[in-house]
């Protein structure tokens, strides 16, 4: 089969399909493709983040007061974002502080197993 024959077959098939149906099919396919790409981008971002919730400050960011620390609403200890204890805190229970001093002022104590605290 040559390219010219394939072209004629495609023209014949497209001539039988109403224009409105063709436009709807193209819109649906473009929407599905956009959704799929957005979903894949979101899964890549969630696998790369180190425990930060959407809208929460970035753990890599630092301020003039010091580095960010995280604690659990239900706990008494605070951690740096890269510590194992911080990774075990669920996103719904994370409380972020701009420095260890603010965490101590809020009643949290440094974790014994997180280096640097």
PDB file of N, CA and C in Angstrom:
ATOM      1  N   UNK A   1       0.837  -1.171   0.000  1.00  0.00           N
ATOM      2  CA  UNK A   1       0.000   0.000   0.000  1.00  0.00           C
ATOM      3  C   UNK A   1       0.884   1.237   0.000  1.00  0.00           C
ATOM      4  N   UNK A   2       0.608   2.166  -0.862  1.00  0.00           N
ATOM      5  CA  UNK A   2       1.410   3.372  -0.983  1.00  0.00           C
ATOM      6  C   UNK A   2       0.822   4.486  -0.120  1.00  0.00           C
ATOM      7  N   UNK A   3       1.575   5.543  -0.022  1.00  0.00           N
ATOM      8  CA  UNK A   3       1.118   6.692   0.753  1.00  0.00           C
ATOM      9  C   UNK A   3      -0.104   7.316   0.086  1.00  0.00           C
ATOM     10  N   UNK A   4      -0.113   7.379  -1.206  1.00  0.00           N
ATOM     11  CA  UNK A   4      -1.254   7.959  -1.928  1.00  0.00           C
ATOM     12  C   UNK A   4      -2.518   7.145  -1.679  1.00  0.00           C
ATOM     13  N   UNK A   5      -2.406   5.809  -1.686  1.00  0.00           N
ATOM     14  CA  UNK A   5      -3.578   4.968  -1.421  1.00  0.00           C
ATOM     15  C   UNK A   5      -4.077   5.168   0.004  1.00  0.00           C
ATOM     16  N   UNK A   6      -3.165   5.256   0.962  1.00  0.00           N
ATOM     17  CA  UNK A   6      -3.550   5.472   2.357  1.00  0.00           C
ATOM     18  C   UNK A   6      -4.238   6.821   2.527  1.00  0.00           C
ATOM     19  N   UNK A   7      -3.734   7.815   1.803  1.00  0.00           N
ATOM     20  CA  UNK A   7      -4.344   9.142   1.854  1.00  0.00           C
ATOM     21  C   UNK A   7      -5.768   9.115   1.333  1.00  0.00           C
ATOM     22  N   UNK A   8      -5.997   8.413   0.253  1.00  0.00           N
ATOM     23  CA  UNK A   8      -7.340   8.313  -0.324  1.00  0.00           C
ATOM     24  C   UNK A   8      -8.295   7.581   0.620  1.00  0.00           C
ATOM     25  N   UNK A   9      -7.797   6.565   1.299  1.00  0.00           N
ATOM     26  CA  UNK A   9      -8.639   5.832   2.255  1.00  0.00           C
ATOM     27  C   UNK A   9      -9.028   6.737   3.412  1.00  0.00           C
ATOM     28  N   UNK A  10      -8.061   7.513   3.915  1.00  0.00           N
ATOM     29  CA  UNK A  10      -8.348   8.438   5.013  1.00  0.00           C
ATOM     30  C   UNK A  10      -9.348   9.508   4.591  1.00  0.00           C
ATOM     31  N   UNK A  11      -9.203  10.027   3.380  1.00  0.00           N
ATOM     32  CA  UNK A  11     -10.159  11.019   2.877  1.00  0.00           C
ATOM     33  C   UNK A  11     -11.553  10.429   2.800  1.00  0.00           C
ATOM     34  N   UNK A  12     -11.645   9.176   2.360  1.00  0.00           N
ATOM     35  CA  UNK A  12     -12.941   8.515   2.266  1.00  0.00           C
ATOM     36  C   UNK A  12     -13.583   8.327   3.628  1.00  0.00           C
ATOM     37  N   UNK A  13     -12.776   7.957   4.637  1.00  0.00           N
ATOM     38  CA  UNK A  13     -13.303   7.776   5.991  1.00  0.00           C
ATOM     39  C   UNK A  13     -13.734   9.102   6.599  1.00  0.00           C
ATOM     40  N   UNK A  14     -12.933  10.145   6.411  1.00  0.00           N
ATOM     41  CA  UNK A  14     -13.262  11.449   6.965  1.00  0.00           C
ATOM     42  C   UNK A  14     -14.474  12.074   6.281  1.00  0.00           C
ATOM     43  N   UNK A  15     -14.697  11.743   5.014  1.00  0.00           N
ATOM     44  CA  UNK A  15     -15.852  12.284   4.294  1.00  0.00           C
ATOM     45  C   UNK A  15     -17.144  11.739   4.880  1.00  0.00           C
ATOM     46  N   UNK A  16     -17.113  10.530   5.462  1.00  0.00           N
ATOM     47  CA  UNK A  16     -18.316   9.912   6.030  1.00  0.00           C
ATOM     48  C   UNK A  16     -18.624  10.415   7.435  1.00  0.00           C
ATOM     49  N   UNK A  17     -17.623  10.986   8.125  1.00  0.00           N
ATOM     50  CA  UNK A  17     -17.818  11.445   9.506  1.00  0.00           C
ATOM     51  C   UNK A  17     -18.281  12.900   9.480  1.00  0.00           C
ATOM     52  N   UNK A  18     -19.372  13.216  10.194  1.00  0.00           N
ATOM     53  CA  UNK A  18     -19.819  14.617  10.253  1.00  0.00           C
ATOM     54  C   UNK A  18     -18.773  15.500  10.933  1.00  0.00           C
ATOM     55  N   UNK A  19     -18.663  16.745  10.481  1.00  0.00           N
ATOM     56  CA  UNK A  19     -17.672  17.677  11.010  1.00  0.00           C
ATOM     57  C   UNK A  19     -17.836  17.884  12.519  1.00  0.00           C
ATOM     58  N   UNK A  20     -19.064  18.020  12.992  1.00  0.00           N
ATOM     59  CA  UNK A  20     -19.312  18.249  14.410  1.00  0.00           C
ATOM     60  C   UNK A  20     -18.770  17.103  15.255  1.00  0.00           C
ATOM     61  N   UNK A  21     -18.983  15.877  14.797  1.00  0.00           N
ATOM     62  CA  UNK A  21     -18.486  14.718  15.535  1.00  0.00           C
ATOM     63  C   UNK A  21     -16.964  14.714  15.561  1.00  0.00           C
ATOM     64  N   UNK A  22     -16.348  15.101  14.469  1.00  0.00           N
ATOM     65  CA  UNK A  22     -14.892  15.146  14.398  1.00  0.00           C
ATOM     66  C   UNK A  22     -14.332  16.179  15.373  1.00  0.00           C
ATOM     67  N   UNK A  23     -14.963  17.338  15.455  1.00  0.00           N
ATOM     68  CA  UNK A  23     -14.526  18.386  16.380  1.00  0.00           C
ATOM     69  C   UNK A  23     -14.665  17.912  17.821  1.00  0.00           C
ATOM     70  N   UNK A  24     -15.780  17.258  18.134  1.00  0.00           N
ATOM     71  CA  UNK A  24     -16.004  16.755  19.493  1.00  0.00           C
ATOM     72  C   UNK A  24     -14.945  15.709  19.850  1.00  0.00           C
ATOM     73  N   UNK A  25     -14.646  14.816  18.954  1.00  0.00           N
ATOM     74  CA  UNK A  25     -13.637  13.783  19.204  1.00  0.00           C
ATOM     75  C   UNK A  25     -12.269  14.418  19.443  1.00  0.00           C
ATOM     76  N   UNK A  26     -11.915  15.406  18.652  1.00  0.00           N
ATOM     77  CA  UNK A  26     -10.622  16.075  18.823  1.00  0.00           C
ATOM     78  C   UNK A  26     -10.563  16.794  20.171  1.00  0.00           C
ATOM     79  N   UNK A  27     -11.643  17.463  20.557  1.00  0.00           N
ATOM     80  CA  UNK A  27     -11.677  18.141  21.856  1.00  0.00           C
ATOM     81  C   UNK A  27     -11.556  17.159  23.015  1.00  0.00           C
ATOM     82  N   UNK A  28     -12.252  16.034  22.927  1.00  0.00           N
ATOM     83  CA  UNK A  28     -12.188  15.035  23.997  1.00  0.00           C
ATOM     84  C   UNK A  28     -10.775  14.454  24.095  1.00  0.00           C
ATOM     85  N   UNK A  29     -10.166  14.136  22.970  1.00  0.00           N
ATOM     86  CA  UNK A  29      -8.811  13.595  22.987  1.00  0.00           C
ATOM     87  C   UNK A  29      -7.804  14.608  23.536  1.00  0.00           C
ATOM     88  N   UNK A  30      -7.942  15.876  23.166  1.00  0.00           N
ATOM     89  CA  UNK A  30      -7.038  16.915  23.680  1.00  0.00           C
ATOM     90  C   UNK A  30      -7.218  17.089  25.189  1.00  0.00           C
ATOM     91  N   UNK A  31      -8.461  17.030  25.655  1.00  0.00           N
ATOM     92  CA  UNK A  31      -8.728  17.150  27.092  1.00  0.00           C
ATOM     93  C   UNK A  31      -8.123  15.986  27.861  1.00  0.00           C
ATOM     94  N   UNK A  32      -8.294  14.782  27.357  1.00  0.00           N
ATOM     95  CA  UNK A  32      -7.730  13.607  28.020  1.00  0.00           C
ATOM     96  C   UNK A  32      -6.206  13.657  28.051  1.00  0.00           C
ATOM     97  N   UNK A  33      -5.623  14.094  26.961  1.00  0.00           N
ATOM     98  CA  UNK A  33      -4.170  14.217  26.911  1.00  0.00           C
ATOM     99  C   UNK A  33      -3.677  15.256  27.916  1.00  0.00           C
ATOM    100  N   UNK A  34      -4.359  16.390  28.006  1.00  0.00           N
ATOM    101  CA  UNK A  34      -3.974  17.432  28.962  1.00  0.00           C
ATOM    102  C   UNK A  34      -4.111  16.942  30.394  1.00  0.00           C
ATOM    103  N   UNK A  35      -5.198  16.270  30.701  1.00  0.00           N
ATOM    104  CA  UNK A  35      -5.398  15.728  32.047  1.00  0.00           C
ATOM    105  C   UNK A  35      -4.308  14.715  32.389  1.00  0.00           C
ATOM    106  N   UNK A  36      -4.010  13.827  31.458  1.00  0.00           N
ATOM    107  CA  UNK A  36      -2.995  12.805  31.692  1.00  0.00           C
ATOM    108  C   UNK A  36      -1.623  13.405  31.946  1.00  0.00           C
ATOM    109  N   UNK A  37      -1.254  14.415  31.159  1.00  0.00           N
ATOM    110  CA  UNK A  37       0.037  15.069  31.359  1.00  0.00           C
ATOM    111  C   UNK A  37       0.080  15.805  32.694  1.00  0.00           C
ATOM    112  N   UNK A  38      -1.018  16.446  33.067  1.00  0.00           N
ATOM    113  CA  UNK A  38      -1.081  17.122  34.360  1.00  0.00           C
ATOM    114  C   UNK A  38      -0.982  16.134  35.506  1.00  0.00           C
ATOM    115  N   UNK A  39      -1.627  14.996  35.380  1.00  0.00           N
ATOM    116  CA  UNK A  39      -1.575  13.972  36.415  1.00  0.00           C
ATOM    117  C   UNK A  39      -0.160  13.436  36.568  1.00  0.00           C
ATOM    118  N   UNK A  40       0.497  13.167  35.446  1.00  0.00           N
ATOM    119  CA  UNK A  40       1.870  12.668  35.505  1.00  0.00           C
ATOM    120  C   UNK A  40       2.811  13.693  36.122  1.00  0.00           C
ATOM    121  N   UNK A  41       2.614  14.957  35.814  1.00  0.00           N
ATOM    122  CA  UNK A  41       3.434  16.003  36.396  1.00  0.00           C
ATOM    123  C   UNK A  41       3.226  16.059  37.904  1.00  0.00           C
ATOM    124  N   UNK A  42       1.995  15.910  38.341  1.00  0.00           N
ATOM    125  CA  UNK A  42       1.698  15.913  39.771  1.00  0.00           C
ATOM    126  C   UNK A  42       2.309  14.738  40.493  1.00  0.00           C
ATOM    127  N   UNK A  43       2.311  13.567  39.882  1.00  0.00           N
ATOM    128  CA  UNK A  43       2.904  12.405  40.541  1.00  0.00           C
ATOM    129  C   UNK A  43       4.411  12.541  40.598  1.00  0.00           C
ATOM    130  N   UNK A  44       5.023  13.158  39.594  1.00  0.00           N
ATOM    131  CA  UNK A  44       6.470  13.396  39.640  1.00  0.00           C
ATOM    132  C   UNK A  44       6.809  14.363  40.765  1.00  0.00           C
ATOM    133  N   UNK A  45       6.024  15.407  40.899  1.00  0.00           N
ATOM    134  CA  UNK A  45       6.294  16.402  41.931  1.00  0.00           C
ATOM    135  C   UNK A  45       6.115  15.808  43.319  1.00  0.00           C
ATOM    136  N   UNK A  46       5.098  14.980  43.516  1.00  0.00           N
ATOM    137  CA  UNK A  46       4.873  14.414  44.845  1.00  0.00           C
ATOM    138  C   UNK A  46       5.940  13.400  45.203  1.00  0.00           C
ATOM    139  N   UNK A  47       6.526  12.716  44.233  1.00  0.00           N
ATOM    140  CA  UNK A  47       7.578  11.757  44.558  1.00  0.00           C
ATOM    141  C   UNK A  47       8.902  12.458  44.832  1.00  0.00           C
ATOM    142  N   UNK A  48       9.076  13.686  44.341  1.00  0.00           N
ATOM    143  CA  UNK A  48      10.320  14.412  44.546  1.00  0.00           C
ATOM    144  C   UNK A  48      10.302  15.276  45.793  1.00  0.00           C
ATOM    145  N   UNK A  49       9.142  15.643  46.274  1.00  0.00           N
ATOM    146  CA  UNK A  49       9.124  16.520  47.438  1.00  0.00           C
ATOM    147  C   UNK A  49       9.498  15.743  48.689  1.00  0.00           C
ATOM    148  N   UNK A  50      10.024  16.427  49.640  1.00  0.00           N
ATOM    149  CA  UNK A  50      10.507  15.759  50.843  1.00  0.00           C
ATOM    150  C   UNK A  50       9.577  16.021  52.007  1.00  0.00           C
ATOM    151  N   UNK A  51       8.302  15.782  51.786  1.00  0.00           N
ATOM    152  CA  UNK A  51       7.355  15.880  52.884  1.00  0.00           C
ATOM    153  C   UNK A  51       6.655  17.211  53.014  1.00  0.00           C
ATOM    154  N   UNK A  52       6.794  18.111  52.068  1.00  0.00           N
ATOM    155  CA  UNK A  52       6.106  19.385  52.200  1.00  0.00           C
ATOM    156  C   UNK A  52       4.726  19.291  51.582  1.00  0.00           C
ATOM    157  N   UNK A  53       3.768  19.885  52.240  1.00  0.00           N
ATOM    158  CA  UNK A  53       2.406  19.903  51.736  1.00  0.00           C
ATOM    159  C   UNK A  53       2.257  21.045  50.741  1.00  0.00           C
ATOM    160  N   UNK A  54       1.272  20.945  49.865  1.00  0.00           N
ATOM    161  CA  UNK A  54       1.009  22.041  48.945  1.00  0.00           C
ATOM    162  C   UNK A  54       0.594  23.250  49.760  1.00  0.00           C
ATOM    163  N   UNK A  55       1.178  24.363  49.469  1.00  0.00           N
ATOM    164  CA  UNK A  55       0.869  25.568  50.211  1.00  0.00           C
ATOM    165  C   UNK A  55       1.745  25.748  51.437  1.00  0.00           C
ATOM    166  N   UNK A  56       2.457  24.715  51.865  1.00  0.00           N
ATOM    167  CA  UNK A  56       3.360  24.832  53.003  1.00  0.00           C
ATOM    168  C   UNK A  56       4.685  25.387  52.522  1.00  0.00           C
ATOM    169  N   UNK A  57       5.440  25.973  53.392  1.00  0.00           N
ATOM    170  CA  UNK A  57       6.729  26.487  52.973  1.00  0.00           C
ATOM    171  C   UNK A  57       7.651  25.371  52.521  1.00  0.00           C
ATOM    172  N   UNK A  58       8.525  25.697  51.626  1.00  0.00           N
ATOM    173  CA  UNK A  58       9.463  24.700  51.109  1.00  0.00           C
ATOM    174  C   UNK A  58      10.491  24.357  52.168  1.00  0.00           C
ATOM    175  N   UNK A  59      10.717  23.066  52.429  1.00  0.00           N
ATOM    176  CA  UNK A  59      11.699  22.691  53.437  1.00  0.00           C
ATOM    177  C   UNK A  59      13.106  23.154  53.102  1.00  0.00           C
ATOM    178  N   UNK A  60      13.415  23.321  51.822  1.00  0.00           N
ATOM    179  CA  UNK A  60      14.755  23.725  51.422  1.00  0.00           C
ATOM    180  C   UNK A  60      14.995  25.214  51.673  1.00  0.00           C
ATOM    181  N   UNK A  61      13.923  25.966  51.858  1.00  0.00           N
ATOM    182  CA  UNK A  61      14.057  27.400  52.048  1.00  0.00           C
ATOM    183  C   UNK A  61      14.618  27.701  53.431  1.00  0.00           C
ATOM    184  N   UNK A  62      15.353  28.772  53.537  1.00  0.00           N
ATOM    185  CA  UNK A  62      15.824  29.206  54.842  1.00  0.00           C
ATOM    186  C   UNK A  62      15.468  30.661  55.018  1.00  0.00           C
ATOM    187  N   UNK A  63      15.372  31.079  56.247  1.00  0.00           N
ATOM    188  CA  UNK A  63      15.014  32.456  56.542  1.00  0.00           C
ATOM    189  C   UNK A  63      16.129  33.083  57.355  1.00  0.00           C
ATOM    190  N   UNK A  64      15.969  34.346  57.675  1.00  0.00           N
ATOM    191  CA  UNK A  64      16.989  35.005  58.485  1.00  0.00           C
ATOM    192  C   UNK A  64      17.007  34.450  59.904  1.00  0.00           C
ATOM    193  N   UNK A  65      15.901  33.868  60.368  1.00  0.00           N
ATOM    194  CA  UNK A  65      15.845  33.313  61.719  1.00  0.00           C
ATOM    195  C   UNK A  65      16.502  31.950  61.805  1.00  0.00           C
ATOM    196  N   UNK A  66      16.737  31.293  60.697  1.00  0.00           N
ATOM    197  CA  UNK A  66      17.317  29.957  60.701  1.00  0.00           C
ATOM    198  C   UNK A  66      16.613  29.079  59.694  1.00  0.00           C
ATOM    199  N   UNK A  67      16.788  27.772  59.852  1.00  0.00           N
ATOM    200  CA  UNK A  67      16.176  26.840  58.915  1.00  0.00           C
ATOM    201  C   UNK A  67      14.790  26.429  59.383  1.00  0.00           C
ATOM    202  N   UNK A  68      13.966  26.021  58.423  1.00  0.00           N
ATOM    203  CA  UNK A  68      12.624  25.559  58.736  1.00  0.00           C
ATOM    204  C   UNK A  68      12.680  24.262  59.525  1.00  0.00           C
ATOM    205  N   UNK A  69      11.760  24.126  60.443  1.00  0.00           N
ATOM    206  CA  UNK A  69      11.598  22.882  61.186  1.00  0.00           C
ATOM    207  C   UNK A  69      10.129  22.505  61.142  1.00  0.00           C
ATOM    208  N   UNK A  70       9.861  21.224  61.345  1.00  0.00           N
ATOM    209  CA  UNK A  70       8.499  20.720  61.280  1.00  0.00           C
ATOM    210  C   UNK A  70       8.210  19.920  62.539  1.00  0.00           C
ATOM    211  N   UNK A  71       6.967  19.981  62.967  1.00  0.00           N
ATOM    212  CA  UNK A  71       6.515  19.217  64.130  1.00  0.00           C
ATOM    213  C   UNK A  71       5.135  18.657  63.817  1.00  0.00           C
ATOM    214  N   UNK A  72       4.685  17.754  64.654  1.00  0.00           N
ATOM    215  CA  UNK A  72       3.351  17.195  64.506  1.00  0.00           C
ATOM    216  C   UNK A  72       2.402  17.906  65.459  1.00  0.00           C
ATOM    217  N   UNK A  73       1.167  18.121  65.024  1.00  0.00           N
ATOM    218  CA  UNK A  73       0.158  18.710  65.899  1.00  0.00           C
ATOM    219  C   UNK A  73      -0.022  17.855  67.157  1.00  0.00           C
ATOM    220  N   UNK A  74       0.150  16.536  66.999  1.00  0.00           N
ATOM    221  CA  UNK A  74      -0.105  15.603  68.089  1.00  0.00           C
ATOM    222  C   UNK A  74       1.147  15.269  68.893  1.00  0.00           C
ATOM    223  N   UNK A  75       2.318  15.774  68.484  1.00  0.00           N
ATOM    224  CA  UNK A  75       3.564  15.401  69.136  1.00  0.00           C
ATOM    225  C   UNK A  75       4.140  16.504  69.993  1.00  0.00           C
ATOM    226  N   UNK A  76       5.339  16.232  70.512  1.00  0.00           N
ATOM    227  CA  UNK A  76       6.020  17.198  71.367  1.00  0.00           C
ATOM    228  C   UNK A  76       7.413  17.534  70.840  1.00  0.00           C
ATOM    229  N   UNK A  77       7.858  16.892  69.751  1.00  0.00           N
ATOM    230  CA  UNK A  77       9.207  17.081  69.209  1.00  0.00           C
ATOM    231  C   UNK A  77       9.144  17.792  67.867  1.00  0.00           C
ATOM    232  N   UNK A  78      10.226  18.505  67.525  1.00  0.00           N
ATOM    233  CA  UNK A  78      10.337  19.104  66.196  1.00  0.00           C
ATOM    234  C   UNK A  78      11.566  18.541  65.496  1.00  0.00           C
ATOM    235  N   UNK A  79      11.559  18.590  64.151  1.00  0.00           N
ATOM    236  CA  UNK A  79      12.573  17.946  63.316  1.00  0.00           C
ATOM    237  C   UNK A  79      12.933  18.871  62.156  1.00  0.00           C
ATOM    238  N   UNK A  80      14.125  18.643  61.599  1.00  0.00           N
ATOM    239  CA  UNK A  80      14.419  19.219  60.299  1.00  0.00           C
ATOM    240  C   UNK A  80      13.647  18.411  59.266  1.00  0.00           C
ATOM    241  N   UNK A  81      13.287  19.005  58.126  1.00  0.00           N
ATOM    242  CA  UNK A  81      12.461  18.295  57.131  1.00  0.00           C
ATOM    243  C   UNK A  81      13.087  17.012  56.591  1.00  0.00           C
ATOM    244  N   UNK A  82      14.406  16.873  56.621  1.00  0.00           N
ATOM    245  CA  UNK A  82      15.043  15.683  56.056  1.00  0.00           C
ATOM    246  C   UNK A  82      15.204  14.561  57.086  1.00  0.00           C
ATOM    247  N   UNK A  83      14.841  14.778  58.322  1.00  0.00           N
ATOM    248  CA  UNK A  83      14.977  13.738  59.350  1.00  0.00           C
ATOM    249  C   UNK A  83      13.898  12.668  59.180  1.00  0.00           C
ATOM    250  N   UNK A  84      14.229  11.467  59.624  1.00  0.00           N
ATOM    251  CA  UNK A  84      13.290  10.343  59.500  1.00  0.00           C
ATOM    252  C   UNK A  84      12.001  10.607  60.259  1.00  0.00           C
ATOM    253  N   UNK A  85      12.082  11.250  61.396  1.00  0.00           N
ATOM    254  CA  UNK A  85      10.881  11.547  62.173  1.00  0.00           C
ATOM    255  C   UNK A  85       9.927  12.466  61.432  1.00  0.00           C
ATOM    256  N   UNK A  86      10.475  13.418  60.696  1.00  0.00           N
ATOM    257  CA  UNK A  86       9.641  14.350  59.939  1.00  0.00           C
ATOM    258  C   UNK A  86       8.933  13.638  58.800  1.00  0.00           C
ATOM    259  N   UNK A  87       9.593  12.647  58.218  1.00  0.00           N
ATOM    260  CA  UNK A  87       8.988  11.918  57.107  1.00  0.00           C
ATOM    261  C   UNK A  87       7.834  11.042  57.561  1.00  0.00           C
ATOM    262  N   UNK A  88       7.805  10.683  58.848  1.00  0.00           N
ATOM    263  CA  UNK A  88       6.727   9.835  59.367  1.00  0.00           C
ATOM    264  C   UNK A  88       5.477  10.631  59.745  1.00  0.00           C
ATOM    265  N   UNK A  89       5.584  11.953  59.810  1.00  0.00           N
ATOM    266  CA  UNK A  89       4.423  12.779  60.159  1.00  0.00           C
ATOM    267  C   UNK A  89       3.517  12.893  58.934  1.00  0.00           C
ATOM    268  N   UNK A  90       2.236  12.636  59.123  1.00  0.00           N
ATOM    269  CA  UNK A  90       1.311  12.749  57.994  1.00  0.00           C
ATOM    270  C   UNK A  90       1.164  14.224  57.609  1.00  0.00           C
ATOM    271  N   UNK A  91       0.853  14.446  56.344  1.00  0.00           N
ATOM    272  CA  UNK A  91       0.723  15.815  55.823  1.00  0.00           C
ATOM    273  C   UNK A  91      -0.326  16.612  56.597  1.00  0.00           C
ATOM    274  N   UNK A  92      -1.392  15.961  57.010  1.00  0.00           N
ATOM    275  CA  UNK A  92      -2.476  16.653  57.707  1.00  0.00           C
ATOM    276  C   UNK A  92      -2.054  17.138  59.088  1.00  0.00           C
ATOM    277  N   UNK A  93      -1.028  16.524  59.678  1.00  0.00           N
ATOM    278  CA  UNK A  93      -0.617  16.867  61.040  1.00  0.00           C
ATOM    279  C   UNK A  93       0.647  17.707  61.110  1.00  0.00           C
ATOM    280  N   UNK A  94       1.236  18.063  59.969  1.00  0.00           N
ATOM    281  CA  UNK A  94       2.477  18.834  59.977  1.00  0.00           C
ATOM    282  C   UNK A  94       2.230  20.290  60.349  1.00  0.00           C
ATOM    283  N   UNK A  95       3.113  20.796  61.213  1.00  0.00           N
ATOM    284  CA  UNK A  95       3.116  22.206  61.601  1.00  0.00           C
ATOM    285  C   UNK A  95       4.514  22.727  61.298  1.00  0.00           C
ATOM    286  N   UNK A  96       4.607  23.776  60.478  1.00  0.00           N
ATOM    287  CA  UNK A  96       5.908  24.306  60.056  1.00  0.00           C
ATOM    288  C   UNK A  96       6.261  25.531  60.879  1.00  0.00           C
ATOM    289  N   UNK A  97       7.546  25.640  61.235  1.00  0.00           N
ATOM    290  CA  UNK A  97       8.082  26.798  61.933  1.00  0.00           C
ATOM    291  C   UNK A  97       9.277  27.323  61.150  1.00  0.00           C
ATOM    292  N   UNK A  98       9.469  28.639  61.173  1.00  0.00           N
ATOM    293  CA  UNK A  98      10.577  29.227  60.409  1.00  0.00           C
ATOM    294  C   UNK A  98      11.919  29.033  61.101  1.00  0.00           C
ATOM    295  N   UNK A  99      11.910  28.654  62.372  1.00  0.00           N
ATOM    296  CA  UNK A  99      13.167  28.374  63.067  1.00  0.00           C
ATOM    297  C   UNK A  99      12.892  27.467  64.261  1.00  0.00           C
ATOM    298  N   UNK A 100      13.964  26.903  64.787  1.00  0.00           N
ATOM    299  CA  UNK A 100      13.849  26.064  65.981  1.00  0.00           C
ATOM    300  C   UNK A 100      13.394  26.894  67.177  1.00  0.00           C
ATOM    301  N   UNK A 101      13.769  28.170  67.209  1.00  0.00           N
ATOM    302  CA  UNK A 101      13.366  29.037  68.324  1.00  0.00           C
ATOM    303  C   UNK A 101      11.844  29.185  68.377  1.00  0.00           C
ATOM    304  N   UNK A 102      11.211  29.328  67.221  1.00  0.00           N
ATOM    305  CA  UNK A 102       9.752  29.434  67.185  1.00  0.00           C
ATOM    306  C   UNK A 102       9.096  28.121  67.607  1.00  0.00           C
ATOM    307  N   UNK A 103       9.689  27.008  67.229  1.00  0.00           N
ATOM    308  CA  UNK A 103       9.145  25.711  67.638  1.00  0.00           C
ATOM    309  C   UNK A 103       9.256  25.533  69.149  1.00  0.00           C
ATOM    310  N   UNK A 104      10.405  25.941  69.723  1.00  0.00           N
ATOM    311  CA  UNK A 104      10.563  25.844  71.180  1.00  0.00           C
ATOM    312  C   UNK A 104       9.577  26.768  71.886  1.00  0.00           C
ATOM    313  N   UNK A 105       9.368  27.961  71.323  1.00  0.00           N
ATOM    314  CA  UNK A 105       8.423  28.906  71.919  1.00  0.00           C
ATOM    315  C   UNK A 105       6.990  28.375  71.899  1.00  0.00           C
ATOM    316  N   UNK A 106       6.699  27.519  70.925  1.00  0.00           N
ATOM    317  CA  UNK A 106       5.368  26.931  70.825  1.00  0.00           C
ATOM    318  C   UNK A 106       5.222  25.691  71.708  1.00  0.00           C
ATOM    319  N   UNK A 107       6.307  25.336  72.423  1.00  0.00           N
ATOM    320  CA  UNK A 107       6.219  24.220  73.363  1.00  0.00           C
ATOM    321  C   UNK A 107       6.812  22.922  72.856  1.00  0.00           C
ATOM    322  N   UNK A 108       7.437  22.929  71.703  1.00  0.00           N
ATOM    323  CA  UNK A 108       8.052  21.719  71.157  1.00  0.00           C
ATOM    324  C   UNK A 108       9.512  21.629  71.601  1.00  0.00           C
ATOM    325  N   UNK A 109       9.995  20.402  71.739  1.00  0.00           N
ATOM    326  CA  UNK A 109      11.383  20.156  72.124  1.00  0.00           C
ATOM    327  C   UNK A 109      12.111  19.542  70.933  1.00  0.00           C
ATOM    328  N   UNK A 110      13.442  19.720  70.864  1.00  0.00           N
ATOM    329  CA  UNK A 110      14.170  19.113  69.743  1.00  0.00           C
ATOM    330  C   UNK A 110      14.174  17.586  69.839  1.00  0.00           C
ATOM    331  N   UNK A 111      14.151  16.961  68.692  1.00  0.00           N
ATOM    332  CA  UNK A 111      14.201  15.499  68.648  1.00  0.00           C
ATOM    333  C   UNK A 111      15.627  15.040  68.922  1.00  0.00           C
ATOM    334  N   UNK A 112      15.755  13.965  69.682  1.00  0.00           N
ATOM    335  CA  UNK A 112      17.078  13.467  70.032  1.00  0.00           C
ATOM    336  C   UNK A 112      17.748  12.756  68.872  1.00  0.00           C
ATOM    337  N   UNK A 113      16.965  12.224  67.930  1.00  0.00           N
ATOM    338  CA  UNK A 113      17.557  11.435  66.848  1.00  0.00           C
ATOM    339  C   UNK A 113      17.683  12.205  65.537  1.00  0.00           C
ATOM    340  N   UNK A 114      17.590  13.531  65.574  1.00  0.00           N
ATOM    341  CA  UNK A 114      17.719  14.342  64.367  1.00  0.00           C
ATOM    342  C   UNK A 114      18.973  15.193  64.491  1.00  0.00           C
ATOM    343  N   UNK A 115      19.978  14.862  63.712  1.00  0.00           N
ATOM    344  CA  UNK A 115      21.275  15.553  63.811  1.00  0.00           C
ATOM    345  C   UNK A 115      21.133  17.024  63.476  1.00  0.00           C
ATOM    346  N   UNK A 116      21.774  17.861  64.281  1.00  0.00           N
ATOM    347  CA  UNK A 116      21.776  19.292  64.037  1.00  0.00           C
ATOM    348  C   UNK A 116      20.806  20.069  64.893  1.00  0.00           C
ATOM    349  N   UNK A 117      19.963  19.415  65.661  1.00  0.00           N
ATOM    350  CA  UNK A 117      19.000  20.141  66.493  1.00  0.00           C
ATOM    351  C   UNK A 117      19.537  20.371  67.883  1.00  0.00           C
TER     352      UNK A 117
END
